[in-house]
Protein backbone atom coordinates (compact mmCIF):
# COMPACT_ATOMS: atom_id res chain seq x y z
CA UNK A 1 75.54 -111.15 -5.31
CA UNK A 2 78.36 -109.51 -3.35
CA UNK A 3 80.82 -111.77 -1.72
CA UNK A 4 81.03 -111.44 2.02
CA UNK A 5 84.52 -111.79 3.44
CA UNK A 6 84.66 -113.48 6.81
CA UNK A 7 87.33 -112.28 9.28
CA UNK A 8 88.40 -114.82 11.84
CA UNK A 9 89.32 -113.39 15.25
CA UNK A 10 91.43 -115.52 17.52
CA UNK A 11 89.92 -115.44 21.05
CA UNK A 12 93.32 -116.28 22.53
CA UNK A 13 94.94 -113.13 21.11
CA UNK A 14 92.13 -111.01 22.43
CA UNK A 15 92.55 -112.48 25.88
CA UNK A 16 96.31 -111.84 25.70
CA UNK A 17 95.82 -108.21 24.68
CA UNK A 18 93.33 -107.77 27.54
CA UNK A 19 95.84 -109.37 29.93
CA UNK A 20 98.68 -107.08 28.71
CA UNK A 21 96.50 -103.96 29.23
CA UNK A 22 95.59 -105.21 32.69
CA UNK A 23 99.27 -105.71 33.58
CA UNK A 24 100.17 -102.30 32.25
CA UNK A 25 97.46 -100.63 34.31
CA UNK A 26 98.60 -102.63 37.35
CA UNK A 27 102.21 -101.53 36.81
CA UNK A 28 101.09 -97.90 36.52
CA UNK A 29 99.38 -98.14 39.89
CA UNK A 30 102.35 -99.91 41.51
CA UNK A 31 104.75 -97.76 43.57
CA UNK A 32 108.45 -97.95 42.76
CA UNK A 33 111.19 -97.57 45.37
CA UNK A 34 111.61 -93.96 44.28
CA UNK A 35 107.89 -93.37 44.75
CA UNK A 36 108.01 -94.72 48.29
CA UNK A 37 110.98 -92.50 49.09
CA UNK A 38 109.14 -89.50 47.68
CA UNK A 39 106.02 -90.40 49.66
CA UNK A 40 108.01 -90.38 52.90
CA UNK A 41 109.64 -87.10 51.88
CA UNK A 42 106.22 -85.60 51.00
CA UNK A 43 104.79 -86.58 54.39
CA UNK A 44 107.81 -85.06 56.17
CA UNK A 45 107.46 -81.83 54.18
CA UNK A 46 103.73 -81.67 54.91
CA UNK A 47 104.41 -82.06 58.65
CA UNK A 48 106.96 -79.24 58.40
CA UNK A 49 104.50 -76.92 56.65
CA UNK A 50 101.74 -77.65 59.18
CA UNK A 51 104.11 -77.22 62.14
CA UNK A 52 105.42 -73.91 60.87
CA UNK A 53 101.92 -72.59 60.21
CA UNK A 54 100.66 -73.63 63.62
CA UNK A 55 103.59 -71.90 65.25
CA UNK A 56 101.76 -68.62 64.80
CA UNK A 57 99.23 -69.61 67.49
CA UNK A 58 101.27 -71.77 69.86
CA UNK A 59 103.43 -70.21 72.54
CA UNK A 60 107.14 -71.09 72.09
CA UNK A 61 107.34 -72.33 75.64
CA UNK A 62 105.04 -75.22 74.70
CA UNK A 63 106.63 -76.47 71.47
CA UNK A 64 109.86 -74.73 70.68
CA UNK A 65 110.64 -76.88 67.64
CA UNK A 66 107.50 -75.59 65.90
CA UNK A 67 108.73 -72.00 66.31
CA UNK A 68 112.07 -73.01 64.86
CA UNK A 69 110.25 -74.52 61.81
CA UNK A 70 108.86 -71.03 61.10
CA UNK A 71 112.40 -69.87 60.27
CA UNK A 72 112.60 -72.11 57.19
CA UNK A 73 108.99 -72.16 56.12
CA UNK A 74 109.83 -70.85 52.63
CA UNK A 75 112.02 -73.95 52.15
CA UNK A 76 109.07 -76.12 53.16
CA UNK A 77 106.77 -74.38 50.67
CA UNK A 78 109.26 -74.86 47.86
CA UNK A 79 109.88 -78.49 48.77
CA UNK A 80 106.10 -79.13 48.85
CA UNK A 81 105.75 -77.57 45.39
CA UNK A 82 108.49 -79.84 44.02
CA UNK A 83 106.74 -82.87 45.58
CA UNK A 84 103.50 -81.74 43.88
CA UNK A 85 105.29 -81.56 40.51
CA UNK A 86 106.73 -85.03 40.99
CA UNK A 87 103.37 -86.63 41.73
CA UNK A 88 101.66 -84.80 38.90
CA UNK A 89 104.27 -86.11 36.46
CA UNK A 90 104.07 -89.63 37.90
CA UNK A 91 100.26 -89.38 38.16
CA UNK A 92 100.05 -91.31 41.40
CA UNK A 93 97.63 -91.05 44.29
CA UNK A 94 100.42 -89.32 46.27
CA UNK A 95 99.53 -86.10 44.47
CA UNK A 96 96.63 -85.39 46.89
CA UNK A 97 98.84 -84.77 49.95
CA UNK A 98 101.09 -82.00 48.47
CA UNK A 99 98.09 -80.61 46.58
CA UNK A 100 96.09 -80.22 49.82
CA UNK A 101 99.09 -78.64 51.55
CA UNK A 102 99.68 -76.32 48.59
CA UNK A 103 96.06 -75.09 48.62
CA UNK A 104 95.92 -74.72 52.39
CA UNK A 105 99.29 -72.92 52.43
CA UNK A 106 98.45 -70.27 49.88
CA UNK A 107 97.71 -67.83 52.71
CA UNK A 108 101.15 -68.41 54.16
CA UNK A 109 102.92 -67.97 50.84
CA UNK A 110 101.77 -64.35 50.63
CA UNK A 111 103.70 -63.69 53.83
CA UNK A 112 106.91 -64.14 51.87
CA UNK A 113 106.12 -63.89 48.17
CA UNK A 114 103.89 -61.58 46.15
CA UNK A 115 103.63 -62.20 42.40
CA UNK A 116 104.89 -59.36 40.24
CA UNK A 117 101.62 -58.97 38.30
CA UNK A 118 101.63 -55.29 37.48
CA UNK A 119 104.19 -52.50 37.39
CA UNK A 120 103.27 -49.16 38.95
CA UNK A 121 104.63 -46.01 37.41
CA UNK A 122 102.73 -43.57 39.58
CA UNK A 123 104.50 -40.42 40.82
CA UNK A 124 103.77 -39.99 44.50
CA UNK A 125 106.03 -37.04 45.16
CA UNK A 126 103.24 -34.43 44.88
CA UNK A 127 100.60 -36.43 46.73
CA UNK A 128 100.12 -34.71 50.07
CA UNK A 129 97.94 -37.53 51.41
CA UNK A 130 100.96 -39.85 51.46
CA UNK A 131 103.50 -40.23 54.24
CA UNK A 132 106.69 -42.27 53.75
CA UNK A 133 107.92 -44.34 56.70
CA UNK A 134 111.18 -46.28 56.85
CA UNK A 135 112.67 -48.76 59.30
CA UNK A 136 116.37 -49.57 59.29
CA UNK A 137 118.58 -51.62 61.58
CA UNK A 138 122.00 -49.96 61.03
CA UNK A 139 124.05 -52.51 63.00
CA UNK A 140 125.57 -49.92 65.28
CA UNK A 141 126.83 -47.97 62.29
CA UNK A 142 129.91 -50.18 62.38
CA UNK A 143 131.13 -52.83 59.96
CA UNK A 144 133.91 -55.38 59.91
CA UNK A 145 136.94 -54.53 57.78
CA UNK A 146 137.64 -57.46 55.50
CA UNK A 147 140.77 -59.40 56.38
CA UNK A 148 141.19 -57.52 59.65
CA UNK A 149 140.34 -60.38 62.07
CA UNK A 150 137.21 -58.66 63.34
CA UNK A 151 138.44 -55.03 63.40
CA UNK A 152 135.52 -52.61 63.01
CA UNK A 153 135.20 -49.25 61.32
CA UNK A 154 132.45 -46.64 61.27
CA UNK A 155 129.83 -47.02 58.56
CA UNK A 156 128.01 -43.77 59.44
CA UNK A 157 128.89 -42.19 56.10
CA UNK A 158 127.31 -45.12 54.24
CA UNK A 159 124.24 -45.03 56.50
CA UNK A 160 123.83 -41.33 55.78
CA UNK A 161 124.01 -42.08 52.07
CA UNK A 162 121.27 -44.71 52.41
CA UNK A 163 119.02 -42.44 54.42
CA UNK A 164 119.57 -39.68 51.88
CA UNK A 165 118.48 -42.04 49.06
CA UNK A 166 115.36 -43.06 50.97
CA UNK A 167 114.12 -39.47 51.41
CA UNK A 168 111.59 -40.62 54.00
CA UNK A 169 109.29 -38.49 56.14
CA UNK A 170 109.60 -40.69 59.26
CA UNK A 171 112.67 -42.74 59.99
CA UNK A 172 112.91 -45.45 62.64
CA UNK A 173 116.37 -46.77 63.38
CA UNK A 174 117.50 -49.73 65.51
CA UNK A 175 120.97 -50.38 66.86
CA UNK A 176 121.75 -46.69 66.51
CA UNK A 177 125.07 -46.02 68.20
CA UNK A 178 126.32 -42.63 69.25
CA UNK A 179 129.97 -42.38 70.34
CA UNK A 180 132.53 -39.65 70.91
CA UNK A 181 134.18 -40.42 67.57
CA UNK A 182 130.82 -40.65 65.74
CA UNK A 183 128.18 -38.71 67.72
CA UNK A 184 124.56 -38.52 66.73
CA UNK A 185 125.04 -34.84 65.91
CA UNK A 186 127.32 -35.84 63.01
CA UNK A 187 124.49 -37.90 61.56
CA UNK A 188 121.95 -35.09 62.00
CA UNK A 189 124.21 -32.38 60.62
CA UNK A 190 124.72 -34.40 57.44
CA UNK A 191 120.99 -34.21 56.67
CA UNK A 192 120.09 -30.51 57.19
CA UNK A 193 117.79 -30.37 54.17
CA UNK A 194 115.31 -32.66 55.89
CA UNK A 195 115.11 -30.64 59.14
CA UNK A 196 114.25 -33.77 61.07
CA UNK A 197 112.67 -33.53 64.50
CA UNK A 198 114.23 -36.11 66.81
CA UNK A 199 112.78 -37.98 69.68
CA UNK A 200 115.21 -38.75 72.44
CA UNK A 201 117.40 -41.75 71.78
CA UNK A 202 116.56 -44.75 73.87
CA UNK A 203 120.22 -45.36 74.67
CA UNK A 204 121.94 -47.29 77.41
CA UNK A 205 124.86 -45.26 78.65
CA UNK A 206 125.91 -43.11 81.59
CA UNK A 207 127.00 -40.39 79.13
CA UNK A 208 124.46 -38.01 77.67
CA UNK A 209 123.72 -38.75 73.96
CA UNK A 210 126.28 -41.54 73.89
CA UNK A 211 125.16 -45.10 73.79
CA UNK A 212 123.22 -47.73 71.89
CA UNK A 213 119.53 -48.00 71.17
CA UNK A 214 116.60 -46.82 69.01
CA UNK A 215 115.85 -43.51 67.40
CA UNK A 216 112.96 -41.88 65.58
CA UNK A 217 113.40 -38.95 63.20
CA UNK A 218 110.42 -37.12 61.71
CA UNK A 219 109.83 -34.20 59.34
CA UNK A 220 106.55 -33.67 61.16
CA UNK A 221 106.17 -32.32 64.73
CA UNK A 222 106.59 -34.82 67.53
CA UNK A 223 104.05 -33.99 70.21
CA UNK A 224 104.74 -36.79 72.67
CA UNK A 225 107.14 -39.71 73.12
CA UNK A 226 108.28 -42.41 75.48
CA UNK A 227 110.10 -45.72 75.66
CA UNK A 228 109.89 -49.17 77.15
CA UNK A 229 112.99 -50.97 78.31
CA UNK A 230 113.25 -54.74 78.64
CA UNK A 231 115.25 -55.81 81.67
CA UNK A 232 118.27 -58.01 81.03
CA UNK A 233 118.52 -57.27 77.33
CA UNK A 234 119.63 -54.50 74.96
CA UNK A 235 116.20 -54.47 73.36
CA UNK A 236 113.53 -51.83 73.76
CA UNK A 237 110.57 -50.05 72.25
CA UNK A 238 110.53 -46.33 71.42
CA UNK A 239 107.26 -44.54 70.51
CA UNK A 240 106.32 -41.05 69.33
CA UNK A 241 103.07 -39.28 68.56
CA UNK A 242 103.58 -37.51 65.27
CA UNK A 243 101.31 -34.69 64.02
CA UNK A 244 100.84 -35.33 60.31
CA UNK A 245 98.83 -32.55 58.73
CA UNK A 246 95.54 -32.63 60.62
CA UNK A 247 96.00 -36.13 62.03
CA UNK A 248 98.10 -37.67 64.74
CA UNK A 249 99.66 -41.13 64.46
CA UNK A 250 101.54 -43.10 67.04
CA UNK A 251 104.79 -44.55 65.69
CA UNK A 252 106.32 -47.51 67.46
CA UNK A 253 109.97 -48.38 66.86
CA UNK A 254 110.63 -51.86 68.25
CA UNK A 255 113.81 -53.92 68.49
CA UNK A 256 112.98 -57.38 69.92
CA UNK A 257 115.16 -60.18 71.24
CA UNK A 258 117.73 -61.44 68.75
CA UNK A 259 117.69 -64.95 67.29
CA UNK A 260 121.41 -65.37 68.24
CA UNK A 261 122.06 -67.12 64.94
CA UNK A 262 125.74 -66.64 64.18
CA UNK A 263 127.81 -67.28 61.07
CA UNK A 264 128.97 -70.58 62.58
CA UNK A 265 125.33 -71.69 63.02
CA UNK A 266 124.55 -70.90 59.39
CA UNK A 267 127.60 -72.88 58.28
CA UNK A 268 126.55 -75.81 60.44
CA UNK A 269 123.02 -75.86 58.92
CA UNK A 270 124.45 -75.64 55.40
CA UNK A 271 126.77 -78.59 56.03
CA UNK A 272 124.32 -80.62 58.19
CA UNK A 273 124.54 -83.68 56.01
CA UNK A 274 128.33 -83.85 56.29
CA UNK A 275 128.56 -83.70 60.06
CA UNK A 276 128.96 -86.89 62.15
CA UNK A 277 125.83 -88.27 63.84
CA UNK A 278 126.93 -87.63 67.42
CA UNK A 279 128.16 -84.14 66.69
CA UNK A 280 125.09 -83.38 64.60
CA UNK A 281 122.68 -84.42 67.38
CA UNK A 282 124.50 -82.43 70.07
CA UNK A 283 124.84 -79.30 67.95
CA UNK A 284 121.20 -79.51 66.80
CA UNK A 285 120.00 -79.68 70.39
CA UNK A 286 122.12 -76.73 71.40
CA UNK A 287 120.85 -74.65 68.49
CA UNK A 288 117.23 -75.59 69.15
CA UNK A 289 117.64 -74.77 72.85
CA UNK A 290 119.12 -71.36 72.04
CA UNK A 291 116.37 -70.58 69.56
CA UNK A 292 113.58 -71.66 71.95
CA UNK A 293 115.04 -69.55 74.77
CA UNK A 294 115.04 -66.47 72.56
CA UNK A 295 111.58 -67.25 71.19
CA UNK A 296 110.17 -67.25 74.73
CA UNK A 297 111.82 -63.93 75.57
CA UNK A 298 110.62 -62.43 72.28
CA UNK A 299 107.05 -63.63 72.93
CA UNK A 300 106.98 -61.75 76.26
CA UNK A 301 108.31 -58.59 74.59
CA UNK A 302 105.76 -58.96 71.75
CA UNK A 303 102.97 -59.19 74.27
CA UNK A 304 104.09 -55.94 75.84
CA UNK A 305 104.15 -54.23 72.47
CA UNK A 306 100.74 -55.61 71.49
CA UNK A 307 99.24 -54.26 74.73
CA UNK A 308 100.62 -50.78 74.04
CA UNK A 309 99.35 -50.90 70.41
CA UNK A 310 95.86 -51.84 71.57
CA UNK A 311 95.86 -48.96 74.11
CA UNK A 312 96.94 -46.30 71.56
CA UNK A 313 94.48 -43.39 71.24
CA UNK A 314 95.69 -42.78 67.64
CA UNK A 315 96.15 -44.88 64.50
CA UNK A 316 99.47 -46.69 64.74
CA UNK A 317 102.46 -47.44 62.53
CA UNK A 318 104.63 -50.17 63.96
CA UNK A 319 108.20 -50.35 62.66
CA UNK A 320 111.19 -52.32 63.69
CA UNK A 321 113.36 -55.38 63.75
CA UNK A 322 111.23 -58.12 65.29
CA UNK A 323 113.91 -60.79 64.81
CA UNK A 324 111.11 -63.13 63.82
CA UNK A 325 109.36 -64.18 60.64
CA UNK A 326 105.70 -63.64 59.72
CA UNK A 327 105.11 -67.29 60.62
CA UNK A 328 105.79 -66.78 64.31
CA UNK A 329 103.88 -66.35 67.56
CA UNK A 330 105.42 -62.92 68.20
CA UNK A 331 104.49 -61.54 64.78
CA UNK A 332 100.95 -62.87 65.19
CA UNK A 333 100.59 -61.09 68.51
CA UNK A 334 101.86 -57.76 67.19
CA UNK A 335 100.12 -57.83 63.81
CA UNK A 336 96.69 -58.65 65.25
CA UNK A 337 94.20 -56.10 63.76
CA UNK A 338 97.03 -54.46 61.79
CA UNK A 339 97.92 -54.63 58.11
CA UNK A 340 101.34 -55.75 56.81
CA UNK A 341 102.67 -53.30 54.19
CA UNK A 342 104.50 -56.07 52.32
CA UNK A 343 101.35 -58.09 51.86
CA UNK A 344 99.61 -54.97 50.59
CA UNK A 345 102.18 -53.44 48.30
CA UNK A 346 105.24 -55.71 48.16
CA UNK A 347 106.42 -57.59 45.09
CA UNK A 348 108.49 -60.71 44.56
CA UNK A 349 110.23 -62.55 47.38
CA UNK A 350 110.48 -60.46 50.55
CA UNK A 351 113.54 -60.74 52.76
CA UNK A 352 115.13 -58.08 54.93
CA UNK A 353 117.90 -59.93 56.78
CA UNK A 354 121.10 -60.24 54.80
CA UNK A 355 122.10 -63.51 56.42
CA UNK A 356 120.71 -67.03 56.98
CA UNK A 357 120.68 -67.56 53.20
CA UNK A 358 118.53 -64.45 52.57
CA UNK A 359 115.42 -66.33 53.68
CA UNK A 360 113.99 -64.16 56.44
CA UNK A 361 111.78 -61.13 56.49
CA UNK A 362 112.17 -59.87 60.04
CA UNK A 363 111.96 -56.11 59.58
CA UNK A 364 108.40 -54.78 59.31
CA UNK A 365 106.19 -51.77 58.75
CA UNK A 366 102.71 -52.63 60.09
CA UNK A 367 99.89 -50.11 60.33
CA UNK A 368 96.29 -49.54 61.37
CA UNK A 369 93.49 -50.52 58.97
CA UNK A 370 92.60 -46.84 58.52
CA UNK A 371 95.80 -46.45 56.50
CA UNK A 372 96.72 -48.02 53.17
CA UNK A 373 100.16 -48.99 51.85
CA UNK A 374 100.59 -47.96 48.25
CA UNK A 375 104.28 -48.61 47.81
CA UNK A 376 106.83 -50.96 49.40
CA UNK A 377 110.58 -51.01 48.82
CA UNK A 378 113.41 -52.93 50.54
CA UNK A 379 116.70 -52.19 48.70
CA UNK A 380 119.87 -54.04 49.60
CA UNK A 381 122.98 -52.24 50.92
CA UNK A 382 126.12 -53.83 52.32
CA UNK A 383 126.70 -51.46 55.24
CA UNK A 384 124.38 -53.44 57.54
CA UNK A 385 123.14 -56.98 57.99
CA UNK A 386 119.60 -55.67 57.43
CA UNK A 387 117.95 -54.09 54.45
CA UNK A 388 115.96 -50.87 55.06
CA UNK A 389 112.22 -51.02 54.46
CA UNK A 390 110.51 -47.97 52.94
CA UNK A 391 106.70 -47.73 52.73
CA UNK A 392 104.37 -45.01 51.50
CA UNK A 393 101.14 -44.83 53.42
CA UNK A 394 97.93 -43.08 52.45
CA UNK A 395 95.63 -41.67 55.11
């Protein structure tokens, strides 16, 4: 008969093991000080994301701080993603807040970032159904000479080189300056191969063809044109009806109210944590007041432009420097019923303003839904504080 071995199990040890497991589970659920700090930070980031997203539908005159949040919405998205990673690693209940914000904010992310999933090697040069359109704020065709205490020199030669490299069919330029030393004719004579047709400059000057404003150049015939001036500012809208093959499109070239963000403001924001409390509060209020004032002016200008777009008898292409991000009330007004070429054909992180930490996409090529963007490019050049935007559109 086989001998049965009896194993004695101590009930006290079993209770102790059960107690240890219970304590370990309780400690896992318990928030540490760092967790509480991250929870507060996650809530603040979530509020920032929600405020910046809602800014697209709320007039700046109502809540100016929400419009200002739209300037740094990419920072909020990145911060929320970092919060999500933290809570996933810690495996705490706090993960649900950044996860919900991440899912809800996916629409907004595409306003700034498009994943580089595929590489297109198509040759569009022989495709007659395509029209290339470019927008470029040339900063008056002047640039500061380094170490010269603000002395300026002409950058027209560099601008001509950029335009030559773009080889675009339709060119919209903002802050185009024509002077006696550097007249518009010099710019046009340098590009004879393109045989551009020019609308009139929308320039502010008592001298003919000398001044500051917008310009539209086109390889195709311009059959009609006009402009809209905004009182009390240097901003305006220039439009032209362009006959492209058998179609006619209305091209709008808009330059809206500036943000008035200067280099000193950027430095202040970068060093915000090192500024004294009283100075920080005063400077922040001044900056917010300045931004809100310009947001309100820009919203009025955007409403004028949106009205003209809606009244157009032809498909439209809207180019220009809006001085506002895609998460803004002004952009939402203008882009209503239009397509954004970056969201269609852009890749990677999209920024067009070479300032404010390269965060902002404020130069746009929007178009009617009857057109499709097949290619988007925004190369960086140092002769202006803006990058040009080049888009190929298919009818």
